[in-house]
Every structure is written in C-alpha cells, then in structure tokens.
C-alpha cells in the first residue's frame, strides 16, 4: 500500500491511497464509521469486518471488496470506477 502527496502544497487535498495488488486493507476496529476522504484506489483486497467503511472520494478499483454480515462498505462520494 502506498500513500502519496501529488499536489503542490502538502495540505492533503490531493492525497492518494493506493492499496496495491497482493495487499489487504482491513477495517476491523469498532462498530463506528471510518471515512477515507482522499482518493482510494484498490487493486488488492479490502475487508470490512465491523462497522462501516466509507470511501468518500474518487477511486479506481480492480481488486476485491469483502464485507461481513456485521459490516457495511459505502461509496459515499466521488466517482468510483469498478
């Protein structure tokens, strides 16, 4: 997984989270909502075990998404290319 700043100023506005092939991004803490507000690309695996994972910005996804029966995966904003 790689995070990178691609903007001129380091204010996080142009940040990118890239979950690469072979990597797993797992949301497992608390039943609350975890929101990722920067672009999130997934070519690996995203697992939501409890609570809600909200992807609220853009993303390109060629990997897999798995959510347990006690969890929610939410595409809460932006454009997501699946």
Protein backbone atom coordinates (compact mmCIF):
# COMPACT_ATOMS: atom_id res chain seq x y z
CA UNK A 1 0.00 0.00 0.00
CA UNK A 2 1.27 3.43 -0.88
CA UNK A 3 0.19 6.90 0.16
CA UNK A 4 1.50 9.81 -1.79
CA UNK A 5 1.15 13.56 -1.99
CA UNK A 6 0.63 14.67 -5.55
CA UNK A 7 -0.26 18.34 -5.04
CA UNK A 8 1.98 21.37 -4.84
CA UNK A 9 1.13 22.08 -1.20
CA UNK A 10 1.28 19.40 1.45
CA UNK A 11 -2.24 20.02 2.77
CA UNK A 12 -3.59 16.53 1.98
CA UNK A 13 -6.14 17.78 -0.55
CA UNK A 14 -4.54 15.80 -3.39
CA UNK A 15 -3.54 12.76 -1.32
CA UNK A 16 -3.94 9.29 -2.82
CA UNK A 17 -4.19 5.93 -1.03
CA UNK A 18 -3.20 3.06 -3.32
CA UNK A 19 -3.96 -0.44 -1.99
CA UNK A 20 -1.76 -2.44 -4.34
CA UNK A 21 -2.18 -5.96 -5.71
CA UNK A 22 -1.36 -8.52 -3.04
CA UNK A 23 -2.09 -6.08 -0.18
CA UNK A 24 -5.08 -6.17 2.19
CA UNK A 25 -6.73 -3.09 3.69
CA UNK A 26 -8.79 -4.23 6.69
CA UNK A 27 -11.29 -2.23 8.76
CA UNK A 28 -11.71 -4.17 11.99
CA UNK A 29 -11.79 -1.70 14.90
CA UNK A 30 -15.06 -0.51 16.43
CA UNK A 31 -18.59 -0.58 15.10
CA UNK A 32 -18.36 3.09 14.17
CA UNK A 33 -17.87 4.57 10.70
CA UNK A 34 -14.38 5.04 9.31
CA UNK A 35 -14.28 7.56 6.45
CA UNK A 36 -11.46 7.88 3.95
CA UNK A 37 -11.75 11.34 2.42
CA UNK A 38 -8.92 11.21 -0.10
CA UNK A 39 -8.86 9.20 -3.34
CA UNK A 40 -8.65 5.45 -2.65
CA UNK A 41 -7.55 3.03 -5.36
CA UNK A 42 -7.87 -0.70 -4.75
CA UNK A 43 -6.11 -3.36 -6.80
CA UNK A 44 -5.68 -5.63 -3.76
CA UNK A 45 -8.30 -6.67 -1.20
CA UNK A 46 -10.48 -4.51 1.05
CA UNK A 47 -12.08 -6.28 4.03
CA UNK A 48 -14.70 -4.66 6.26
CA UNK A 49 -15.17 -6.80 9.36
CA UNK A 50 -17.22 -4.48 11.58
CA UNK A 51 -18.88 -1.08 11.35
CA UNK A 52 -18.87 0.99 8.17
CA UNK A 53 -16.03 1.85 5.80
CA UNK A 54 -16.99 4.97 3.84
CA UNK A 55 -14.95 5.84 0.73
CA UNK A 56 -15.97 9.45 0.21
CA UNK A 57 -13.78 10.49 -2.69
CA UNK A 58 -12.77 9.10 -6.09
CA UNK A 59 -11.19 5.74 -6.79
CA UNK A 60 -10.36 3.10 -9.36
CA UNK A 61 -10.91 -0.47 -8.23
CA UNK A 62 -9.77 -3.68 -9.90
CA UNK A 63 -9.36 -5.62 -6.65
CA UNK A 64 -11.93 -7.28 -4.41
CA UNK A 65 -14.19 -5.92 -1.68
CA UNK A 66 -15.47 -8.15 1.13
CA UNK A 67 -17.84 -7.08 3.91
CA UNK A 68 -19.00 -9.33 6.73
CA UNK A 69 -22.68 -9.53 7.66
CA UNK A 70 -21.96 -7.12 10.55
CA UNK A 71 -20.34 -4.52 8.29
CA UNK A 72 -21.10 -2.01 5.55
CA UNK A 73 -18.99 -0.82 2.63
CA UNK A 74 -20.19 2.60 1.49
CA UNK A 75 -19.18 4.52 -1.64
CA UNK A 76 -20.19 7.82 -0.10
CA UNK A 77 -18.97 10.28 -2.71
CA UNK A 78 -16.85 10.91 -5.74
CA UNK A 79 -16.62 8.67 -8.78
CA UNK A 80 -15.66 5.03 -8.31
CA UNK A 81 -14.64 3.01 -11.36
CA UNK A 82 -15.27 -0.65 -10.62
